[in-house]
Amino acid sequence: MRTLSPPLTLVITTDAVGGVWRYALDLAGTLKGRALAVADDAPQVVEPLLIGLGPRPSEAQRDEAYEAGVALDWIDRPLDWQVEGPEALSESGRALAAAVTAAGADLVQVNNPPLLPFLPAQLPRIAAAHSCLSTWWQAVRGETPPLNLAWHGAATARGLAAADAVISPSHAFAAAMTEIYGPVPDLAVVPNAAVPVMAGRKRPVALAAARWWDPAKNLAVLDAAAEGALWPVEIAGPLEGPGSWGSGGAGSGGAGSGGAGPRPVHVTHLGSLPHRALRARMAEAAIFVSLALYEPFGLSVLEAAGAGAALVLSDIPTHRELWDDCACFVDPHDPHAVRDALDGLVRDPAALGRMGLLATTRAATFSHARQADAMLAVYARVLARHTADRGDAVP
């Protein structure tokens, strides 16, 4: 019978302004205490540490980390998509490297690939890509980023190339990355996960949740579609971002100007809700809508689907991959088509219930246990290679 080795310190980078926070915190909480075995070595218990950059987490977010039993450290340096050039990026990278070294990390999962090359090369380094400037710009603007932002695409390419493995949350996003950056080393698709939301009594309302300052979230079309819709449309999330490139850049789990987004007229803005309050809204919403033009995964869609909401989604590759046959797909540029889809579900209660059930069934396949198993397999593979490389280096 093998005995356990000392704990394995797994550093996972995060931010507090987007979906990466939810992803990193839930993943760390699920992995905490899991055993990771590499080859014939004794298993090690995973001890995660979240290290964040950018705007500091709210009190509610810190409470979430505490309740999950996940250690949290913060660096007062901007995120890669908040800086204006390579020099500022390197300052954030060096600060992250110092924090990772001080933590005694055995393995690092970097959710901001441009920062990965600054970490010690002897450490096993995994890049989890949740978005990037170049793929955002192609999907939202239909073109490559302007020359003044080319440095960020180059930094992302270096981060992906330097990684021991790269994680994508969907095949669609993996294809988008390889189209721009070419073959990516040890690329694994590991879908995101969510704790199922306990469905409540459904209200006659359509709900949407996003960082609305990001043009990719397509608020203008949703607002236009809400005019004259049979049911009210409620939106949760900030209208103003934390600040990034004025011309639009890749954000955390998305992209955008980082300034003020369009002011909605026909939807009801609920503001920025704590996660628990947002889940309560999802439990009651009969319909959930996402008209995103760019979505590497779409965690809010998954959470709403788990609560039994019927889905009205933009017809983009990621949504098709994850929700085909269990959502109503619409042209995200056509507010009339969106309104027709919403009203069609309202007029057909049987279809509304059927689509909600299909969404719930599909959502159940995206479990934290399955995600953790897949991530542990990637970690073990990377650690085994590093162990073998160290052995080969011994004279």
Foldseek 3Di string as FASTA:
>chain_A
DFDEDEAAEEEEEAEAAFDRLVQVLLLQLLQQQDWFDFDPHHTHRYQYEYEYEADDHDPLSVVSSVVSVHHYHYDDAHAPQADQDDVSLLVVLLSVQVVCVVVVHQAYEYARLLSQVSHDLLHQYEYEDLDFFQLQCCLQVVDGDDPSCVRRVVSNLVSQASHQAYEFQDPVVVVSVCVPNNDGHHYDHFHTADDFQAADAADQEEEEEDAQQFCQQLVVLVLVLLVPFPHAYEYEHHQAAPHGDCVKGADNSGIHRRGGHDDHDRHHYPYHDRPVVVSVVLSHHLAYETLGSDGSACVVLLRSLSSLHAYEYEPDPRCCRQQPPQHHYDHSVHSNRSSCVSNVCVVPVVVSNRSSVSSNVSSVVRHSVSSNVVVSVVVSVSVNVSVVVVVVPPD
